[in-house]
Amino acid sequence: METLVEQERVRRSDIDAVVVKTVATILTSFGIEEVDRNELRADFQHLRRWRKSVEQAQNYTFKAAITVIATGLIGAIWLGIKATLGR
């Protein structure tokens, strides 16, 4: 049993080493060195914050446009009623 556990541990560590090497190779092919991992993480975090802020701004802009249109329509209806009752 101990031998099987040890073989499984060695196999997993070999797989982990292959995966780490593969990821490092892929990042290097994109021009990202392995030592730049923290900088890459910060870049992705910044991109996520930027995307969320843009989505929030779009949401507020949509709400503001709907409010302006609704206010204009209500104002036009009010003026129409006022003009009709004023005759």
Protein backbone atom coordinates (compact mmCIF):
# COMPACT_ATOMS: atom_id res chain seq x y z
CA MET A 1 0.00 0.00 0.00
CA GLU A 2 2.80 2.40 0.89
CA THR A 3 4.47 1.68 -2.43
CA LEU A 4 1.28 2.55 -4.32
CA VAL A 5 0.90 5.79 -2.37
CA GLU A 6 4.51 6.71 -3.12
CA GLN A 7 4.07 5.90 -6.83
CA GLU A 8 0.92 8.03 -6.94
CA ARG A 9 2.76 10.93 -5.27
CA VAL A 10 5.66 10.66 -7.74
CA ARG A 11 3.25 10.46 -10.67
CA ARG A 12 1.36 13.55 -9.49
CA SER A 13 4.58 15.50 -8.98
CA ASP A 14 5.70 14.52 -12.50
CA ILE A 15 2.38 15.69 -13.94
CA ASP A 16 2.63 18.96 -11.97
CA ALA A 17 6.15 19.54 -13.31
CA VAL A 18 5.01 18.95 -16.90
CA VAL A 19 2.06 21.31 -16.49
CA VAL A 20 4.22 24.07 -14.99
CA LYS A 21 6.77 23.69 -17.78
CA THR A 22 4.01 23.76 -20.43
CA VAL A 23 2.43 26.90 -19.01
CA ALA A 24 5.83 28.58 -18.77
CA THR A 25 6.55 27.65 -22.40
CA ILE A 26 3.21 29.04 -23.57
CA LEU A 27 3.66 32.29 -21.64
CA THR A 28 7.19 32.64 -23.02
CA SER A 29 5.85 32.14 -26.55
CA PHE A 30 3.57 35.15 -25.92
CA GLY A 31 6.57 37.18 -24.77
CA ILE A 32 5.80 36.89 -21.07
CA GLU A 33 8.70 35.73 -18.96
CA GLU A 34 8.12 33.46 -15.98
CA VAL A 35 9.43 36.14 -13.60
CA ASP A 36 6.66 38.49 -14.76
CA ARG A 37 3.87 36.42 -13.18
CA ASN A 38 3.02 39.01 -10.54
CA GLU A 39 2.98 41.76 -13.12
CA LEU A 40 0.77 39.64 -15.39
CA ARG A 41 -1.60 38.98 -12.49
CA ALA A 42 -1.77 42.71 -11.76
CA ASP A 43 -2.48 43.41 -15.44
CA PHE A 44 -5.38 40.95 -15.48
CA GLN A 45 -6.77 42.39 -12.24
CA HIS A 46 -6.58 45.87 -13.75
CA LEU A 47 -8.35 44.70 -16.90
CA ARG A 48 -11.10 43.11 -14.83
CA ARG A 49 -11.60 46.32 -12.78
CA TRP A 50 -11.63 48.35 -16.01
CA ARG A 51 -14.24 46.05 -17.60
CA LYS A 52 -16.46 46.18 -14.54
CA SER A 53 -16.26 49.98 -14.36
CA VAL A 54 -17.14 50.28 -18.06
CA GLU A 55 -20.12 47.96 -17.58
CA GLN A 56 -21.24 50.03 -14.59
CA ALA A 57 -20.90 53.27 -16.57
CA GLN A 58 -22.96 51.76 -19.40
CA ASN A 59 -25.62 50.75 -16.91
CA TYR A 60 -25.78 54.26 -15.42
CA THR A 61 -25.85 55.83 -18.90
CA PHE A 62 -28.76 53.61 -19.93
CA LYS A 63 -30.67 54.49 -16.76
CA ALA A 64 -30.01 58.21 -17.30
CA ALA A 65 -31.20 58.04 -20.92
CA ILE A 66 -34.40 56.25 -19.91
CA THR A 67 -34.99 58.84 -17.18
CA VAL A 68 -34.52 61.75 -19.61
CA ILE A 69 -36.87 60.18 -22.17
CA ALA A 70 -39.52 59.38 -19.55
CA THR A 71 -39.28 62.89 -18.08
CA GLY A 72 -39.63 64.42 -21.56
CA LEU A 73 -42.69 62.31 -22.34
CA ILE A 74 -44.33 63.10 -19.01
CA GLY A 75 -43.56 66.80 -19.53
CA ALA A 76 -45.08 66.74 -23.02
CA ILE A 77 -48.19 64.97 -21.74
CA TRP A 78 -48.48 67.50 -18.91
CA LEU A 79 -48.18 70.42 -21.31
CA GLY A 80 -50.79 68.81 -23.58
CA ILE A 81 -53.20 68.36 -20.69
CA LYS A 82 -52.53 71.89 -19.46
CA ALA A 83 -53.12 73.34 -22.93
CA THR A 84 -56.31 71.30 -23.36
CA LEU A 85 -57.72 72.33 -19.99
CA GLY A 86 -56.72 75.94 -20.54
CA ARG A 87 -59.07 76.37 -23.53
